[in-house]
C-alpha atoms as a PDB file:
ATOM      1  CA  MET A   1     109.653 101.865  94.574  1.00  0.00           C
ATOM      2  CA  THR A   2     109.888 105.440  93.381  1.00  0.00           C
ATOM      3  CA  LYS A   3     107.725 107.859  95.125  1.00  0.00           C
ATOM      4  CA  LEU A   4     105.412 109.903  92.930  1.00  0.00           C
ATOM      5  CA  ALA A   5     106.777 113.169  92.113  1.00  0.00           C
ATOM      6  CA  PHE A   6     104.583 116.150  93.939  1.00  0.00           C
ATOM      7  CA  ILE A   7     102.406 113.547  95.568  1.00  0.00           C
ATOM      8  CA  ASP A   8     102.957 115.259  98.885  1.00  0.00           C
ATOM      9  CA  ASP A   9     101.855 118.804  97.244  1.00  0.00           C
ATOM     10  CA  VAL A  10      99.054 116.969  95.897  1.00  0.00           C
ATOM     11  CA  GLN A  11      97.919 115.502  99.194  1.00  0.00           C
ATOM     12  CA  THR A  12      98.469 118.513 101.136  1.00  0.00           C
ATOM     13  CA  ARG A  13      96.240 120.658  98.429  1.00  0.00           C
ATOM     14  CA  ILE A  14      93.376 118.316  98.277  1.00  0.00           C
ATOM     15  CA  ASN A  15      93.277 117.518 102.051  1.00  0.00           C
ATOM     16  CA  ASP A  16      93.169 121.322 102.632  1.00  0.00           C
ATOM     17  CA  TYR A  17      90.375 121.808  99.909  1.00  0.00           C
ATOM     18  CA  LEU A  18      88.236 118.851 101.447  1.00  0.00           C
ATOM     19  CA  THR A  19      88.913 120.349 104.961  1.00  0.00           C
ATOM     20  CA  LYS A  20      87.807 123.786 104.085  1.00  0.00           C
ATOM     21  CA  LYS A  21      84.740 122.210 102.180  1.00  0.00           C
ATOM     22  CA  LEU A  22      83.655 120.265 105.352  1.00  0.00           C
ATOM     23  CA  ASP A  23      84.480 123.330 107.577  1.00  0.00           C
ATOM     24  CA  SER A  24      81.945 125.432 105.459  1.00  0.00           C
ATOM     25  CA  LEU A  25      79.083 123.104 106.118  1.00  0.00           C
ATOM     26  CA  VAL A  26      76.387 124.375 108.503  1.00  0.00           C
ATOM     27  CA  ILE A  27      76.514 121.876 111.559  1.00  0.00           C
ATOM     28  CA  ASN A  28      72.961 119.980 111.457  1.00  0.00           C
ATOM     29  CA  ASP A  29      74.292 116.627 113.143  1.00  0.00           C
ATOM     30  CA  GLU A  30      77.808 116.961 114.968  1.00  0.00           C
ATOM     31  CA  LYS A  31      78.495 113.366 115.059  1.00  0.00           C
ATOM     32  CA  LEU A  32      77.413 112.687 111.415  1.00  0.00           C
ATOM     33  CA  LEU A  33      79.790 115.597 110.408  1.00  0.00           C
ATOM     34  CA  ASP A  34      82.748 113.903 112.325  1.00  0.00           C
ATOM     35  CA  ALA A  35      82.104 110.583 110.629  1.00  0.00           C
ATOM     36  CA  MET A  36      82.449 112.485 107.103  1.00  0.00           C
ATOM     37  CA  ARG A  37      85.688 114.008 108.411  1.00  0.00           C
ATOM     38  CA  TYR A  38      86.685 110.473 109.595  1.00  0.00           C
ATOM     39  CA  GLY A  39      85.802 108.823 106.265  1.00  0.00           C
ATOM     40  CA  LEU A  40      87.198 111.328 104.188  1.00  0.00           C
ATOM     41  CA  LEU A  41      90.458 112.714 105.860  1.00  0.00           C
ATOM     42  CA  ILE A  42      91.916 110.007 108.066  1.00  0.00           C
ATOM     43  CA  GLY A  43      94.257 108.960 105.463  1.00  0.00           C
ATOM     44  CA  GLY A  44      94.692 107.489 101.889  1.00  0.00           C
ATOM     45  CA  LYS A  45      97.065 107.869  99.023  1.00  0.00           C
ATOM     46  CA  ARG A  46      94.796 110.185  97.061  1.00  0.00           C
ATOM     47  CA  MET A  47      95.731 108.362  93.827  1.00  0.00           C
ATOM     48  CA  ARG A  48      92.417 109.443  92.107  1.00  0.00           C
ATOM     49  CA  PRO A  49      92.989 112.957  92.755  1.00  0.00           C
ATOM     50  CA  TYR A  50      96.696 112.951  91.800  1.00  0.00           C
ATOM     51  CA  LEU A  51      95.815 111.334  88.600  1.00  0.00           C
ATOM     52  CA  ALA A  52      93.402 114.193  87.847  1.00  0.00           C
ATOM     53  CA  TYR A  53      96.059 116.604  88.513  1.00  0.00           C
ATOM     54  CA  ILE A  54      98.859 115.102  86.507  1.00  0.00           C
ATOM     55  CA  THR A  55      96.409 114.776  83.626  1.00  0.00           C
ATOM     56  CA  GLY A  56      95.509 118.378  84.070  1.00  0.00           C
ATOM     57  CA  ALA A  57      99.028 119.456  84.023  1.00  0.00           C
ATOM     58  CA  THR A  58     100.007 117.314  80.869  1.00  0.00           C
ATOM     59  CA  LEU A  59      97.090 118.996  79.218  1.00  0.00           C
ATOM     60  CA  ASP A  60      97.755 122.660  80.523  1.00  0.00           C
ATOM     61  CA  ALA A  61      94.585 122.812  82.493  1.00  0.00           C
ATOM     62  CA  GLU A  62      93.918 125.320  85.351  1.00  0.00           C
ATOM     63  CA  GLN A  63      95.036 123.755  88.494  1.00  0.00           C
ATOM     64  CA  SER A  64      91.994 125.578  90.253  1.00  0.00           C
ATOM     65  CA  ASP A  65      89.612 123.748  87.926  1.00  0.00           C
ATOM     66  CA  ILE A  66      91.257 120.363  88.783  1.00  0.00           C
ATOM     67  CA  ASP A  67      90.604 121.081  92.271  1.00  0.00           C
ATOM     68  CA  GLY A  68      86.761 120.699  92.009  1.00  0.00           C
ATOM     69  CA  VAL A  69      87.337 117.566  89.665  1.00  0.00           C
ATOM     70  CA  ALA A  70      89.777 115.978  92.365  1.00  0.00           C
ATOM     71  CA  ALA A  71      87.758 116.820  95.383  1.00  0.00           C
ATOM     72  CA  ALA A  72      84.489 115.215  93.817  1.00  0.00           C
ATOM     73  CA  ILE A  73      86.319 112.103  92.685  1.00  0.00           C
ATOM     74  CA  GLU A  74      87.841 111.672  96.281  1.00  0.00           C
ATOM     75  CA  CYS A  75      84.416 112.217  97.889  1.00  0.00           C
ATOM     76  CA  ILE A  76      82.959 109.453  96.008  1.00  0.00           C
ATOM     77  CA  HIS A  77      85.738 107.363  96.566  1.00  0.00           C
ATOM     78  CA  ALA A  78      85.600 107.785 100.430  1.00  0.00           C
ATOM     79  CA  TYR A  79      81.850 107.277 100.348  1.00  0.00           C
ATOM     80  CA  SER A  80      82.249 103.858  98.554  1.00  0.00           C
ATOM     81  CA  LEU A  81      84.733 102.785 101.076  1.00  0.00           C
ATOM     82  CA  LEU A  82      82.597 103.506 103.895  1.00  0.00           C
ATOM     83  CA  HIS A  83      79.939 101.593 102.494  1.00  0.00           C
ATOM     84  CA  ASP A  84      82.232  98.722 101.388  1.00  0.00           C
ATOM     85  CA  ASP A  85      83.412  98.161 104.684  1.00  0.00           C
ATOM     86  CA  LEU A  86      79.834  97.496 106.274  1.00  0.00           C
ATOM     87  CA  PRO A  87      78.931  94.137 107.744  1.00  0.00           C
ATOM     88  CA  ALA A  88      76.318  93.723 104.705  1.00  0.00           C
ATOM     89  CA  MET A  89      79.315  93.970 102.251  1.00  0.00           C
ATOM     90  CA  ASP A  90      82.977  92.940 103.052  1.00  0.00           C
ATOM     91  CA  ASP A  91      82.413  93.400 106.674  1.00  0.00           C
ATOM     92  CA  ASP A  92      85.950  94.933 107.654  1.00  0.00           C
ATOM     93  CA  ASP A  93      87.172  96.311 111.035  1.00  0.00           C
ATOM     94  CA  LEU A  94      90.175  98.066 109.493  1.00  0.00           C
ATOM     95  CA  ARG A  95      90.966 100.595 106.972  1.00  0.00           C
ATOM     96  CA  ARG A  96      94.375 102.468 106.451  1.00  0.00           C
ATOM     97  CA  GLY A  97      95.409 100.857 109.762  1.00  0.00           C
ATOM     98  CA  GLN A  98      92.351 102.257 111.831  1.00  0.00           C
ATOM     99  CA  LEU A  99      89.014 101.234 112.713  1.00  0.00           C
ATOM    100  CA  THR A 100      86.504 101.300 109.915  1.00  0.00           C
ATOM    101  CA  CYS A 101      83.949 104.278 110.364  1.00  0.00           C
ATOM    102  CA  HIS A 102      81.178 101.794 111.381  1.00  0.00           C
ATOM    103  CA  LYS A 103      83.323 100.470 114.064  1.00  0.00           C
ATOM    104  CA  ALA A 104      84.676 103.982 115.359  1.00  0.00           C
ATOM    105  CA  PHE A 105      80.880 105.350 115.124  1.00  0.00           C
ATOM    106  CA  ASP A 106      78.103 103.019 114.269  1.00  0.00           C
ATOM    107  CA  GLU A 107      76.586 101.325 111.062  1.00  0.00           C
ATOM    108  CA  ALA A 108      73.863 103.870 110.783  1.00  0.00           C
ATOM    109  CA  THR A 109      76.077 106.794 110.957  1.00  0.00           C
ATOM    110  CA  ALA A 110      78.606 105.082 108.670  1.00  0.00           C
ATOM    111  CA  ILE A 111      75.774 104.569 106.077  1.00  0.00           C
ATOM    112  CA  LEU A 112      74.688 108.338 106.474  1.00  0.00           C
ATOM    113  CA  ALA A 113      78.377 109.577 106.227  1.00  0.00           C
ATOM    114  CA  GLY A 114      78.767 107.806 103.024  1.00  0.00           C
ATOM    115  CA  ASP A 115      75.448 109.072 101.692  1.00  0.00           C
ATOM    116  CA  SER A 116      76.490 112.600 102.607  1.00  0.00           C
ATOM    117  CA  LEU A 117      79.866 112.329 100.959  1.00  0.00           C
ATOM    118  CA  GLN A 118      78.372 111.046  97.817  1.00  0.00           C
ATOM    119  CA  THR A 119      76.078 114.162  97.564  1.00  0.00           C
ATOM    120  CA  LEU A 120      78.824 116.268  98.614  1.00  0.00           C
ATOM    121  CA  ALA A 121      80.841 115.262  95.529  1.00  0.00           C
ATOM    122  CA  PHE A 122      77.933 116.317  93.190  1.00  0.00           C
ATOM    123  CA  ASP A 123      77.651 119.484  95.249  1.00  0.00           C
ATOM    124  CA  ILE A 124      81.470 120.212  94.540  1.00  0.00           C
ATOM    125  CA  ILE A 125      80.842 120.045  90.777  1.00  0.00           C
ATOM    126  CA  ALA A 126      77.872 121.993  90.869  1.00  0.00           C
ATOM    127  CA  ASN A 127      79.103 124.914  92.758  1.00  0.00           C
ATOM    128  CA  HIS A 128      82.761 124.984  92.340  1.00  0.00           C
ATOM    129  CA  ASP A 129      84.450 128.203  91.022  1.00  0.00           C
ATOM    130  CA  PHE A 130      85.365 126.788  87.681  1.00  0.00           C
ATOM    131  CA  SER A 131      87.153 129.003  85.040  1.00  0.00           C
ATOM    132  CA  ALA A 132      85.030 130.773  82.503  1.00  0.00           C
ATOM    133  CA  ALA A 133      86.080 128.255  79.792  1.00  0.00           C
ATOM    134  CA  VAL A 134      85.104 125.351  81.868  1.00  0.00           C
ATOM    135  CA  ASP A 135      82.083 126.657  83.482  1.00  0.00           C
ATOM    136  CA  ASN A 136      79.948 125.702  80.528  1.00  0.00           C
ATOM    137  CA  LYS A 137      81.370 122.309  80.727  1.00  0.00           C
ATOM    138  CA  ARG A 138      80.009 121.643  84.083  1.00  0.00           C
ATOM    139  CA  ILE A 139      77.116 119.295  83.004  1.00  0.00           C
ATOM    140  CA  ASN A 140      79.729 116.941  81.068  1.00  0.00           C
ATOM    141  CA  LEU A 141      81.652 116.871  84.228  1.00  0.00           C
ATOM    142  CA  LEU A 142      78.488 115.670  85.947  1.00  0.00           C
ATOM    143  CA  ARG A 143      77.806 113.264  83.398  1.00  0.00           C
ATOM    144  CA  TYR A 144      81.180 111.785  83.646  1.00  0.00           C
ATOM    145  CA  LEU A 145      80.897 111.393  87.363  1.00  0.00           C
ATOM    146  CA  VAL A 146      77.303 109.879  87.209  1.00  0.00           C
ATOM    147  CA  SER A 147      78.561 107.355  84.830  1.00  0.00           C
ATOM    148  CA  ALA A 148      81.719 106.325  87.025  1.00  0.00           C
ATOM    149  CA  SER A 149      79.707 106.225  90.239  1.00  0.00           C
ATOM    150  CA  GLY A 150      76.323 104.620  89.770  1.00  0.00           C
ATOM    151  CA  TYR A 151      74.891 101.477  88.148  1.00  0.00           C
ATOM    152  CA  GLN A 152      76.874 101.963  85.138  1.00  0.00           C
ATOM    153  CA  GLY A 153      80.258 101.987  87.004  1.00  0.00           C
ATOM    154  CA  MET A 154      81.445 101.680  90.661  1.00  0.00           C
ATOM    155  CA  CYS A 155      78.009 100.687  92.226  1.00  0.00           C
ATOM    156  CA  GLY A 156      77.473  98.119  89.558  1.00  0.00           C
ATOM    157  CA  GLY A 157      80.996  96.799  89.942  1.00  0.00           C
ATOM    158  CA  GLN A 158      80.338  96.153  93.648  1.00  0.00           C
ATOM    159  CA  ALA A 159      77.054  94.436  93.128  1.00  0.00           C
ATOM    160  CA  LEU A 160      79.044  92.018  90.619  1.00  0.00           C
ATOM    161  CA  ASP A 161      81.692  91.681  93.007  1.00  0.00           C
ATOM    162  CA  LEU A 162      79.176  90.443  95.898  1.00  0.00           C
ATOM    163  CA  SER A 163      76.988  88.318  93.633  1.00  0.00           C
ATOM    164  CA  GLY A 164      80.554  86.611  92.393  1.00  0.00           C
ATOM    165  CA  THR A 165      81.377  85.807  96.086  1.00  0.00           C
ATOM    166  CA  ASP A 166      81.478  81.994  96.833  1.00  0.00           C
ATOM    167  CA  LYS A 167      81.518  81.012  93.344  1.00  0.00           C
ATOM    168  CA  ALA A 168      83.805  80.675  90.185  1.00  0.00           C
ATOM    169  CA  ILE A 169      83.759  83.499  87.663  1.00  0.00           C
ATOM    170  CA  SER A 170      85.532  83.709  84.227  1.00  0.00           C
ATOM    171  CA  LEU A 171      88.667  86.045  83.736  1.00  0.00           C
ATOM    172  CA  ALA A 172      86.426  88.040  81.388  1.00  0.00           C
ATOM    173  CA  GLU A 173      83.630  88.329  84.142  1.00  0.00           C
ATOM    174  CA  LEU A 174      86.489  89.450  86.797  1.00  0.00           C
ATOM    175  CA  GLU A 175      87.863  92.010  84.195  1.00  0.00           C
ATOM    176  CA  HIS A 176      84.417  93.536  83.663  1.00  0.00           C
ATOM    177  CA  LEU A 177      83.518  93.540  87.327  1.00  0.00           C
ATOM    178  CA  HIS A 178      86.893  95.340  88.114  1.00  0.00           C
ATOM    179  CA  SER A 179      86.474  97.824  85.206  1.00  0.00           C
ATOM    180  CA  LEU A 180      83.448  98.967  86.919  1.00  0.00           C
ATOM    181  CA  LYS A 181      84.186  98.679  90.576  1.00  0.00           C
ATOM    182  CA  THR A 182      87.912 100.165  90.382  1.00  0.00           C
ATOM    183  CA  GLY A 183      88.592 101.364  87.019  1.00  0.00           C
ATOM    184  CA  ALA A 184      85.560 103.660  86.193  1.00  0.00           C
ATOM    185  CA  LEU A 185      86.539 106.312  88.927  1.00  0.00           C
ATOM    186  CA  LEU A 186      90.061 106.229  87.693  1.00  0.00           C
ATOM    187  CA  GLU A 187      88.875 106.801  84.309  1.00  0.00           C
ATOM    188  CA  ALA A 188      86.688 109.597  85.044  1.00  0.00           C
ATOM    189  CA  ALA A 189      89.788 111.195  86.995  1.00  0.00           C
ATOM    190  CA  VAL A 190      91.211 111.131  83.757  1.00  0.00           C
ATOM    191  CA  LYS A 191      88.144 112.150  81.703  1.00  0.00           C
ATOM    192  CA  MET A 192      87.333 115.046  83.861  1.00  0.00           C
ATOM    193  CA  ALA A 193      90.626 116.479  83.833  1.00  0.00           C
ATOM    194  CA  ALA A 194      90.762 116.503  80.206  1.00  0.00           C
ATOM    195  CA  GLU A 195      87.439 118.044  79.818  1.00  0.00           C
ATOM    196  CA  CYS A 196      88.995 121.105  81.707  1.00  0.00           C
ATOM    197  CA  SER A 197      91.693 121.335  79.008  1.00  0.00           C
ATOM    198  CA  ASN A 198      91.174 123.634  75.909  1.00  0.00           C
ATOM    199  CA  ASN A 199      94.202 121.640  74.356  1.00  0.00           C
ATOM    200  CA  ALA A 200      92.957 118.022  74.234  1.00  0.00           C
ATOM    201  CA  THR A 201      91.487 116.571  71.007  1.00  0.00           C
ATOM    202  CA  ALA A 202      88.683 114.026  70.775  1.00  0.00           C
ATOM    203  CA  TYR A 203      91.429 111.482  69.947  1.00  0.00           C
ATOM    204  CA  ASP A 204      93.661 112.601  72.738  1.00  0.00           C
ATOM    205  CA  LYS A 205      90.652 112.101  74.957  1.00  0.00           C
ATOM    206  CA  GLU A 206      90.039 108.745  73.779  1.00  0.00           C
ATOM    207  CA  GLN A 207      93.747 107.687  74.191  1.00  0.00           C
ATOM    208  CA  LEU A 208      93.750 108.963  77.856  1.00  0.00           C
ATOM    209  CA  ALA A 209      90.588 107.056  78.517  1.00  0.00           C
ATOM    210  CA  LEU A 210      92.081 103.800  77.096  1.00  0.00           C
ATOM    211  CA  TYR A 211      95.136 104.503  79.130  1.00  0.00           C
ATOM    212  CA  ALA A 212      93.021 104.974  82.332  1.00  0.00           C
ATOM    213  CA  LYS A 213      91.012 101.967  81.573  1.00  0.00           C
ATOM    214  CA  LEU A 214      94.298  99.915  81.387  1.00  0.00           C
ATOM    215  CA  VAL A 215      96.096 101.269  84.524  1.00  0.00           C
ATOM    216  CA  GLY A 216      92.723 100.957  86.469  1.00  0.00           C
ATOM    217  CA  LEU A 217      92.521  96.983  85.543  1.00  0.00           C
ATOM    218  CA  ALA A 218      96.297  96.957  86.430  1.00  0.00           C
ATOM    219  CA  TYR A 219      95.493  98.696  89.609  1.00  0.00           C
ATOM    220  CA  GLN A 220      93.278  95.915  90.746  1.00  0.00           C
ATOM    221  CA  VAL A 221      95.558  93.096  89.439  1.00  0.00           C
ATOM    222  CA  ARG A 222      98.250  94.748  91.722  1.00  0.00           C
ATOM    223  CA  ASP A 223      95.722  94.916  94.575  1.00  0.00           C
ATOM    224  CA  ASP A 224      94.977  91.190  94.239  1.00  0.00           C
ATOM    225  CA  ILE A 225      98.590  90.338  94.279  1.00  0.00           C
ATOM    226  CA  ILE A 226      99.634  92.508  97.386  1.00  0.00           C
ATOM    227  CA  ASP A 227      96.581  91.136  99.376  1.00  0.00           C
ATOM    228  CA  ILE A 228      98.564  87.882  99.362  1.00  0.00           C
ATOM    229  CA  THR A 229     102.136  89.015  99.384  1.00  0.00           C
ATOM    230  CA  SER A 230     102.137  91.887 101.640  1.00  0.00           C
ATOM    231  CA  THR A 231     101.878  92.204 105.502  1.00  0.00           C
ATOM    232  CA  GLU A 232      98.819  93.462 107.602  1.00  0.00           C
ATOM    233  CA  GLU A 233     101.069  96.359 108.561  1.00  0.00           C
ATOM    234  CA  GLU A 234     101.969  97.224 104.822  1.00  0.00           C
ATOM    235  CA  LEU A 235      98.158  96.827 103.981  1.00  0.00           C
ATOM    236  CA  GLY A 236      96.624  98.544 106.894  1.00  0.00           C
ATOM    237  CA  LYS A 237      94.073  95.736 107.004  1.00  0.00           C
ATOM    238  CA  PRO A 238      94.089  92.003 107.526  1.00  0.00           C
ATOM    239  CA  ALA A 239      96.414  90.280 104.726  1.00  0.00           C
ATOM    240  CA  GLY A 240      94.424  87.773 102.521  1.00  0.00           C
ATOM    241  CA  SER A 241      91.042  89.116 103.155  1.00  0.00           C
ATOM    242  CA  ASP A 242      89.930  88.684  99.933  1.00  0.00           C
ATOM    243  CA  LEU A 243      90.835  84.852  99.895  1.00  0.00           C
ATOM    244  CA  ALA A 244      89.165  84.499 103.292  1.00  0.00           C
ATOM    245  CA  ALA A 245      86.127  86.181 101.769  1.00  0.00           C
ATOM    246  CA  ASN A 246      85.969  83.622  98.948  1.00  0.00           C
ATOM    247  CA  LYS A 247      86.289  86.285  96.162  1.00  0.00           C
ATOM    248  CA  SER A 248      87.513  85.497  92.626  1.00  0.00           C
ATOM    249  CA  THR A 249      90.821  87.236  92.290  1.00  0.00           C
ATOM    250  CA  TYR A 250      93.484  87.472  89.438  1.00  0.00           C
ATOM    251  CA  PRO A 251      95.874  85.062  91.697  1.00  0.00           C
ATOM    252  CA  ALA A 252      93.268  82.609  91.920  1.00  0.00           C
ATOM    253  CA  LEU A 253      92.234  82.294  88.249  1.00  0.00           C
ATOM    254  CA  LEU A 254      95.763  82.741  86.839  1.00  0.00           C
ATOM    255  CA  GLY A 255      98.255  81.860  89.559  1.00  0.00           C
ATOM    256  CA  LEU A 256     100.581  84.532  91.138  1.00  0.00           C
ATOM    257  CA  THR A 257     103.074  84.294  88.363  1.00  0.00           C
ATOM    258  CA  GLY A 258     100.282  84.723  85.799  1.00  0.00           C
ATOM    259  CA  ALA A 259      98.694  87.430  87.593  1.00  0.00           C
ATOM    260  CA  GLN A 260     102.054  89.367  87.718  1.00  0.00           C
ATOM    261  CA  GLU A 261     102.364  88.629  83.925  1.00  0.00           C
ATOM    262  CA  LYS A 262      98.951  90.192  83.387  1.00  0.00           C
ATOM    263  CA  ALA A 263      99.907  93.369  85.534  1.00  0.00           C
ATOM    264  CA  GLU A 264     102.914  93.843  83.223  1.00  0.00           C
ATOM    265  CA  ASN A 265     101.061  93.302  80.060  1.00  0.00           C
ATOM    266  CA  LEU A 266      98.266  95.979  81.174  1.00  0.00           C
ATOM    267  CA  TYR A 267     101.098  98.431  82.133  1.00  0.00           C
ATOM    268  CA  GLN A 268     102.744  97.933  78.727  1.00  0.00           C
ATOM    269  CA  GLN A 269      99.604  98.652  76.883  1.00  0.00           C
ATOM    270  CA  ALA A 270      98.888 102.036  78.944  1.00  0.00           C
ATOM    271  CA  LEU A 271     102.321 102.924  77.967  1.00  0.00           C
ATOM    272  CA  GLN A 272     101.535 102.304  74.260  1.00  0.00           C
ATOM    273  CA  ALA A 273      98.505 104.450  74.532  1.00  0.00           C
ATOM    274  CA  LEU A 274     100.391 107.358  75.934  1.00  0.00           C
ATOM    275  CA  ASP A 275     103.000 107.144  73.236  1.00  0.00           C
ATOM    276  CA  THR A 276     100.209 108.206  70.608  1.00  0.00           C
ATOM    277  CA  LEU A 277      99.831 111.595  72.379  1.00  0.00           C
ATOM    278  CA  PRO A 278     101.563 114.731  71.547  1.00  0.00           C
ATOM    279  CA  TYR A 279     102.398 115.719  74.992  1.00  0.00           C
ATOM    280  CA  ASN A 280     104.938 115.260  77.778  1.00  0.00           C
ATOM    281  CA  THR A 281     103.166 112.193  79.333  1.00  0.00           C
ATOM    282  CA  GLN A 282     106.122 111.308  81.916  1.00  0.00           C
ATOM    283  CA  SER A 283     104.194 111.786  84.890  1.00  0.00           C
ATOM    284  CA  LEU A 284     101.326 109.546  83.575  1.00  0.00           C
ATOM    285  CA  SER A 285     103.852 106.948  82.588  1.00  0.00           C
ATOM    286  CA  ASP A 286     105.568 107.250  86.166  1.00  0.00           C
ATOM    287  CA  PHE A 287     101.948 106.686  87.527  1.00  0.00           C
ATOM    288  CA  ALA A 288     101.511 103.648  85.789  1.00  0.00           C
ATOM    289  CA  THR A 289     104.839 102.071  86.674  1.00  0.00           C
ATOM    290  CA  PHE A 290     103.815 103.132  90.520  1.00  0.00           C
ATOM    291  CA  ILE A 291     100.621 101.522  90.281  1.00  0.00           C
ATOM    292  CA  VAL A 292     102.275  97.848  89.183  1.00  0.00           C
ATOM    293  CA  SER A 293     105.128  98.053  91.331  1.00  0.00           C
ATOM    294  CA  ARG A 294     103.392  99.395  94.766  1.00  0.00           C
ATOM    295  CA  LYS A 295     103.487  97.290  97.942  1.00  0.00           C
ATOM    296  CA  ASN A 296     100.297  98.658  99.438  1.00  0.00           C
END
C-alpha cells in the first residue's frame, strides 16, 4: 500500500496546531484537560485533516485557512470517538492500540472531554485567523460543520447505527447510515476546504462533494472488510468487533467478495467525479486509492 504524499507533514502540522490550541486554554479542571489531550493527541491517521489540506492545495487555497478547517474537523472526529467508545454505545476498551478515554480516566470525564472537544471545534471556526477573503465566509464554514456533525449528519448516523444493531437492515439503509455517520464529516472536509478557495465554481464544489460522498462510503465498506480480515495488532482494537456486536456490515449483506466489489465500484465513481474537474487532482485520486487499499 503506497504511503500518502506529505502525510507526515500534515500530521505534524495539525498536531502542532491542536497542541497549541489546547495549551492556550485557561486551566479550570486539569483532569478534564488531560482527557481532552488524550482523546485528541494520542494518535490517529488524521485522514480528515489530510483530505482538507489536499483539497485546499488542489484549489490553491491558503494553507493557513485550511489549518482552522482541519483542526475543527479533527476535534469533531475525536469527540465522536470518545463518545462512540462509551459503554452506552460501542463499549470498546481499546482505541488506536491504547485504552479508550473512559478506561484511561472514567466515563464522566470521557463524556465531558467529548463535549469540550465538540465545542472547541466551533470555537476554532469562530475565532481562527482566516484570511480576509475567507473571513466573510465564516458563517458558511460553521453551517457545513453543523450539518456534518449533528442530527442531519454524524450524530444521526450514530443513532441509526445503534437502532440497527441486533436486526437486519437493507443495503440502502446501511448506505444511508454510513453516509451520515462516516461520510458527512469527510464530505465537510472537502466542502469547507473548497469554501476557502477563490477558484472553485459551484460546479466544482458539487463534483468535489460527490467525490467525497463516494469516498466516504468506500471508507466504511473498507472498514467493514478490514474488521474481519485484519489482526488486532493492525487494527489497534479487537478484530471482528462489529460482528461481535451484531451490527449490519457490507460483508454480512454482500459477502466478502461482494463488499470488495462494492468498494471498487465506489472508488471508480469517485475517480470519475474528479475527471470532470479542471485541476490537478492526483492527490485526491491517490487518497481514494489509499482508502480502498488500506489495512487499518
